[in-house]
Protein backbone atom coordinates (compact mmCIF):
# COMPACT_ATOMS: atom_id res chain seq x y z
CA MET A 1 -72.84 169.55 89.96
CA ARG A 2 -73.34 165.85 90.69
CA ASN A 3 -71.38 163.50 92.93
CA ILE A 4 -71.09 160.04 91.38
CA ALA A 5 -69.88 156.98 93.31
CA ILE A 6 -68.87 153.77 91.56
CA LEU A 7 -68.16 150.26 92.75
CA LEU A 8 -64.95 148.96 91.18
CA ALA A 9 -63.47 145.51 90.68
CA TYR A 10 -60.01 144.89 89.28
CA ASP A 11 -57.24 142.39 88.85
CA GLY A 12 -54.22 144.15 90.31
CA SER A 13 -51.62 141.96 88.62
CA ASP A 14 -50.59 144.50 85.98
CA PHE A 15 -51.02 147.70 87.98
CA VAL A 16 -48.49 149.69 90.01
CA GLY A 17 -51.31 150.13 92.52
CA SER A 18 -54.72 151.74 92.74
CA GLN A 19 -53.45 155.29 93.26
CA TRP A 20 -52.34 157.49 90.37
CA GLN A 21 -48.55 157.64 90.00
CA SER A 22 -46.35 159.66 87.70
CA GLN A 23 -44.96 156.46 86.20
CA GLY A 24 -46.69 153.15 85.64
CA ARG A 25 -50.21 151.95 85.01
CA SER A 26 -52.61 152.62 87.91
CA VAL A 27 -56.27 151.81 88.45
CA GLN A 28 -57.06 155.46 89.08
CA GLY A 29 -55.26 156.41 85.90
CA VAL A 30 -57.25 154.10 83.63
CA VAL A 31 -60.54 155.07 85.32
CA GLU A 32 -59.83 158.77 84.83
CA ALA A 33 -58.85 158.20 81.20
CA ALA A 34 -62.05 156.26 80.48
CA TRP A 35 -64.14 158.92 82.23
CA GLU A 36 -62.58 161.71 80.18
CA GLU A 37 -63.24 159.84 76.95
CA LEU A 38 -66.86 159.14 77.91
CA THR A 39 -67.84 162.51 79.39
CA GLN A 40 -65.23 164.91 77.91
CA GLU A 41 -64.44 165.90 81.52
CA ARG A 42 -60.95 165.76 82.99
CA ARG A 43 -61.57 164.94 86.65
CA ARG A 44 -59.56 163.64 89.59
CA TRP A 45 -61.24 160.62 91.16
CA THR A 46 -61.10 159.81 94.89
CA LEU A 47 -60.62 156.15 95.90
CA ALA A 48 -61.71 154.66 99.21
CA GLY A 49 -58.37 153.02 99.85
CA ARG A 50 -54.95 152.59 98.33
CA THR A 51 -54.06 149.08 97.23
CA ASP A 52 -50.49 148.06 96.46
CA ALA A 53 -49.18 146.76 93.16
CA GLY A 54 -50.58 143.28 92.63
CA VAL A 55 -53.47 143.62 95.11
CA HIS A 56 -56.96 142.97 93.73
CA ALA A 57 -60.37 144.43 94.53
CA GLN A 58 -63.98 143.48 94.12
CA GLY A 59 -65.33 146.20 96.41
CA GLN A 60 -63.24 149.31 95.81
CA VAL A 61 -65.29 152.52 95.86
CA ALA A 62 -64.47 155.78 94.08
CA ASN A 63 -66.28 159.06 93.58
CA VAL A 64 -66.08 162.09 91.34
CA ARG A 65 -67.84 165.44 91.08
CA SER A 66 -69.20 165.87 87.60
CA GLU A 67 -71.45 167.93 85.38
CA THR A 68 -72.26 165.05 83.05
CA HIS A 69 -75.90 164.49 82.05
CA HIS A 70 -75.42 160.77 81.34
CA SER A 71 -77.66 158.40 83.27
CA LEU A 72 -76.09 156.04 85.79
CA ASN A 73 -76.78 153.09 83.52
CA THR A 74 -75.08 154.84 80.62
CA LEU A 75 -72.10 155.64 82.82
CA VAL A 76 -71.68 152.01 83.88
CA ARG A 77 -72.07 150.64 80.34
CA GLY A 78 -69.95 153.37 78.78
CA MET A 79 -67.12 153.07 81.30
CA ASN A 80 -66.99 149.30 80.90
CA ALA A 81 -66.83 149.66 77.13
CA LEU A 82 -63.78 151.91 77.48
CA LEU A 83 -61.95 150.36 80.43
CA PRO A 84 -59.33 147.62 79.96
CA GLU A 85 -60.48 144.08 80.66
CA ASP A 86 -58.82 143.94 84.10
CA VAL A 87 -61.04 146.74 85.51
CA ARG A 88 -64.83 146.86 85.70
CA VAL A 89 -67.46 149.20 87.12
CA LEU A 90 -70.00 147.00 88.92
CA ALA A 91 -72.45 149.74 89.86
CA ALA A 92 -72.90 153.51 90.09
CA ARG A 93 -74.88 155.69 92.48
CA GLU A 94 -75.57 159.40 92.76
CA VAL A 95 -74.64 160.52 96.27
CA ASP A 96 -74.75 163.70 98.34
CA LEU A 97 -72.12 166.28 97.55
CA GLU A 98 -70.47 165.80 100.96
CA PHE A 99 -69.82 162.10 100.25
CA HIS A 100 -66.12 161.28 100.09
CA ALA A 101 -65.07 157.76 99.10
CA ARG A 102 -62.18 157.74 101.57
CA TYR A 103 -63.23 159.94 104.48
CA SER A 104 -66.89 158.84 104.60
CA ALA A 105 -65.93 155.15 104.85
CA THR A 106 -66.43 153.45 108.22
CA ARG A 107 -64.90 150.03 107.51
CA ARG A 108 -62.72 148.20 104.98
CA ASP A 109 -62.76 144.42 104.47
CA TYR A 110 -59.89 142.39 103.04
CA ARG A 111 -59.40 138.71 102.30
CA TYR A 112 -56.04 136.97 101.88
CA LEU A 113 -55.97 133.52 100.26
CA LEU A 114 -53.40 130.80 100.96
CA GLU A 115 -53.01 127.72 98.80
CA VAL A 116 -51.45 125.10 101.09
CA ALA A 117 -50.37 122.35 98.71
CA GLN A 118 -47.33 120.50 97.43
CA ALA A 119 -47.73 122.05 93.98
CA PRO A 120 -49.66 125.23 93.12
CA LEU A 121 -52.60 125.26 90.75
CA PRO A 122 -51.65 127.54 87.83
CA THR A 123 -55.13 129.07 87.67
CA LEU A 124 -54.66 130.39 91.22
CA ARG A 125 -51.25 131.97 90.66
CA HIS A 126 -52.61 135.54 90.71
CA LEU A 127 -55.16 134.98 93.49
CA ALA A 128 -53.55 132.97 96.27
CA LEU A 129 -50.15 132.63 97.91
CA HIS A 130 -48.80 129.12 97.51
CA VAL A 131 -47.51 127.67 100.78
CA GLU A 132 -45.66 124.38 100.67
CA GLY A 133 -45.77 122.18 103.75
CA ARG A 134 -48.20 121.98 106.63
CA LEU A 135 -49.59 124.91 108.61
CA ASP A 136 -50.94 124.75 112.14
CA LEU A 137 -54.33 126.22 111.31
CA GLU A 138 -55.59 125.79 114.87
CA ALA A 139 -52.77 127.96 116.22
CA MET A 140 -53.45 130.55 113.52
CA ALA A 141 -57.15 130.53 114.42
CA VAL A 142 -56.27 131.21 118.07
CA ALA A 143 -53.78 133.95 117.23
CA LEU A 144 -55.80 136.04 114.77
CA PRO A 145 -58.69 137.19 117.02
CA GLN A 146 -56.15 138.71 119.41
CA LEU A 147 -55.74 141.47 116.82
CA GLU A 148 -59.37 142.49 117.22
CA GLY A 149 -60.05 145.70 119.10
CA THR A 150 -58.27 149.04 119.17
CA HIS A 151 -54.48 148.72 119.21
CA ASP A 152 -51.35 150.50 118.09
CA PHE A 153 -50.30 148.57 114.96
CA ALA A 154 -46.91 150.25 114.52
CA ALA A 155 -45.27 146.81 114.35
CA PHE A 156 -47.35 145.94 111.28
CA THR A 157 -46.54 148.85 108.97
CA VAL A 158 -43.71 150.80 107.43
CA PRO A 159 -41.94 153.38 109.64
CA MET A 160 -44.10 156.48 109.91
CA PRO A 161 -43.63 160.02 111.23
CA GLN A 162 -44.45 160.31 114.93
CA SER A 163 -47.13 162.84 114.05
CA LYS A 164 -49.16 160.14 112.31
CA SER A 165 -51.24 157.78 114.43
CA THR A 166 -50.75 154.04 113.99
CA VAL A 167 -53.77 153.21 116.14
CA ARG A 168 -56.52 151.33 114.32
CA THR A 169 -59.64 149.39 115.31
CA VAL A 170 -59.86 145.86 113.92
CA TYR A 171 -63.40 144.51 113.84
CA THR A 172 -62.71 141.06 112.41
CA ALA A 173 -59.57 138.91 112.27
CA ARG A 174 -60.51 135.32 111.47
CA ILE A 175 -59.43 132.31 109.47
CA GLY A 176 -61.71 130.19 107.31
CA GLU A 177 -61.83 128.00 104.23
CA VAL A 178 -63.05 128.55 100.69
CA THR A 179 -62.95 126.35 97.58
CA LEU A 180 -61.81 127.58 94.17
CA PHE A 181 -61.39 125.32 91.13
CA GLY A 182 -61.91 122.34 93.39
CA ARG A 183 -59.04 123.26 95.69
CA LYS A 184 -59.53 124.15 99.35
CA LEU A 185 -57.88 127.45 100.26
CA VAL A 186 -57.22 129.09 103.61
CA ALA A 187 -58.93 132.48 103.83
CA ILE A 188 -57.73 135.13 106.27
CA ASP A 189 -60.43 137.79 106.69
CA LEU A 190 -59.58 141.16 108.19
CA ALA A 191 -61.85 144.16 108.67
CA ALA A 192 -60.99 147.49 110.31
CA ASN A 193 -61.97 151.12 110.35
CA ALA A 194 -58.82 151.72 108.27
CA PHE A 195 -55.54 149.99 107.53
CA LEU A 196 -51.96 151.24 107.60
CA GLN A 197 -49.63 150.77 104.64
CA HIS A 198 -48.83 147.04 104.22
CA MET A 199 -50.71 146.30 107.46
CA VAL A 200 -52.79 143.41 106.13
CA ARG A 201 -49.82 141.80 104.39
CA VAL A 202 -47.60 142.08 107.48
CA ILE A 203 -50.36 140.56 109.61
CA VAL A 204 -50.55 137.65 107.18
CA GLY A 205 -46.77 137.23 107.21
CA THR A 206 -46.82 137.19 111.01
CA ILE A 207 -49.68 134.69 111.21
CA LEU A 208 -47.79 132.44 108.79
CA LEU A 209 -44.94 132.36 111.33
CA VAL A 210 -47.48 131.12 113.87
CA GLY A 211 -48.68 128.49 111.40
CA ARG A 212 -45.11 127.30 110.90
CA GLY A 213 -44.39 127.15 114.63
CA ARG A 214 -41.87 130.00 114.63
CA LEU A 215 -44.17 132.15 116.78
CA SER A 216 -46.81 131.05 119.25
CA ALA A 217 -50.31 132.48 119.46
CA ALA A 218 -49.34 133.87 122.86
CA ASP A 219 -46.54 135.91 121.24
CA LEU A 220 -48.91 138.08 119.22
CA PRO A 221 -49.94 140.51 122.00
CA ARG A 222 -46.24 141.04 122.76
CA VAL A 223 -45.58 141.85 119.09
CA ILE A 224 -48.31 144.50 119.24
CA GLU A 225 -46.95 145.93 122.49
CA ARG A 226 -43.40 146.27 121.14
CA ARG A 227 -44.52 148.61 118.34
CA ASP A 228 -41.41 147.52 116.45
CA ARG A 229 -41.60 146.38 112.82
CA ARG A 230 -38.75 143.94 113.47
CA ALA A 231 -40.93 142.04 115.95
CA ALA A 232 -43.52 141.11 113.31
CA GLY A 233 -43.25 138.76 110.36
CA PRO A 234 -42.34 139.47 106.74
CA THR A 235 -44.66 141.28 104.36
CA ALA A 236 -46.70 138.63 102.53
CA ALA A 237 -46.86 138.77 98.72
CA ALA A 238 -49.42 141.18 97.28
CA HIS A 239 -51.18 138.82 94.87
CA GLY A 240 -53.01 136.87 97.59
CA LEU A 241 -54.85 139.95 98.81
CA THR A 242 -58.24 141.32 97.72
CA LEU A 243 -60.15 144.36 98.96
CA THR A 244 -63.61 142.81 99.27
CA ALA A 245 -65.76 145.67 100.54
CA VAL A 246 -65.84 149.25 101.80
CA HIS A 247 -68.70 150.22 104.12
CA TYR A 248 -70.50 153.54 104.58
CA PRO A 249 -73.46 154.80 106.59
CA SER A 250 -76.54 153.63 104.69
CA SER A 251 -77.75 157.23 104.50
CA LEU A 252 -74.71 158.07 102.34
CA LEU A 253 -74.27 155.01 100.13
CA HIS A 254 -75.93 151.65 99.76
CA TRP A 255 -75.31 149.01 97.09
CA ASP A 256 -77.81 146.35 96.11
CA GLU A 257 -77.41 143.10 98.01
CA GLY A 258 -75.10 140.65 96.25
CA LEU A 259 -72.90 143.26 94.54
CA VAL A 260 -70.12 142.85 97.15
C-alpha cells in the first residue's frame, strides 16, 4: 500500500466546491473519476481544505492510499491527460502512510484579489472582485493585522454548534498590491492554522467596510469580541479567492521550490 500526495490547481468557476457532493460537479469528484480511469482503483481522496463554489486553488493538496504500480511521473501525466482543463495536477509525492492531507497540515494560505476601478477588465472577471469607487487602503492596512494571533472568530463564520471551537490562529493578515494584465489589484493575504467556513470571505467583506469608511480600524477588535456574525461585514464573492498554499512539516511533505 502506497500513500500518494498531489498538488492541485483549479479554476473553481464551474465547480460546486472542492468537496464531493451528491449533486453537482466537484473537484474531488473529477479527481476521483480520473484516478479510477487511470489506475482501475475506486478510491476516496482526502483534500487539505474545503473551498466553496467559485473559489480557486493553486496550492490545494490531496492524498490517497493506493496499490498502483505507476511511477509518480506517470501519475501526473496520466491524470492531467484525463482531467478536465480547469483542473491540473502540478506535482505528486509518495508520503508516509500516516500522512493526511487535512490533519497533517499546519497552515493554509489564501489570497483575495480586488479590482478597484471604474470599469472591470473582462479577463479578470473570474479572478478578482470588482470594486467601484475609492477605498481607504491605509485604513484597511491598519485594520487587517489586528486579526493576527489566536482569537475566537465566531463573528466571521456561519453559526456553528457550541461543541465546535471557533478559535483559530491567524499568522498573516496583510494587504498588498499585484499587477495582472497591466492592472494594479489589491491583494489581501491571509494565513492561519485553519479557517472556518466562509471565514476568509467574511473577513474580506468586513475589511471592505473599513475601506469604505463604514467601519473604523479600531472597530475590528470589538467585532471579534462580540462573537456575533451580525457584527461583521457581508460575505465577499467567492470568485476573488484563491487557496495559494498548504504547509506541512518538511519531514512529511515538501514540494520543489517554485511550485506554489
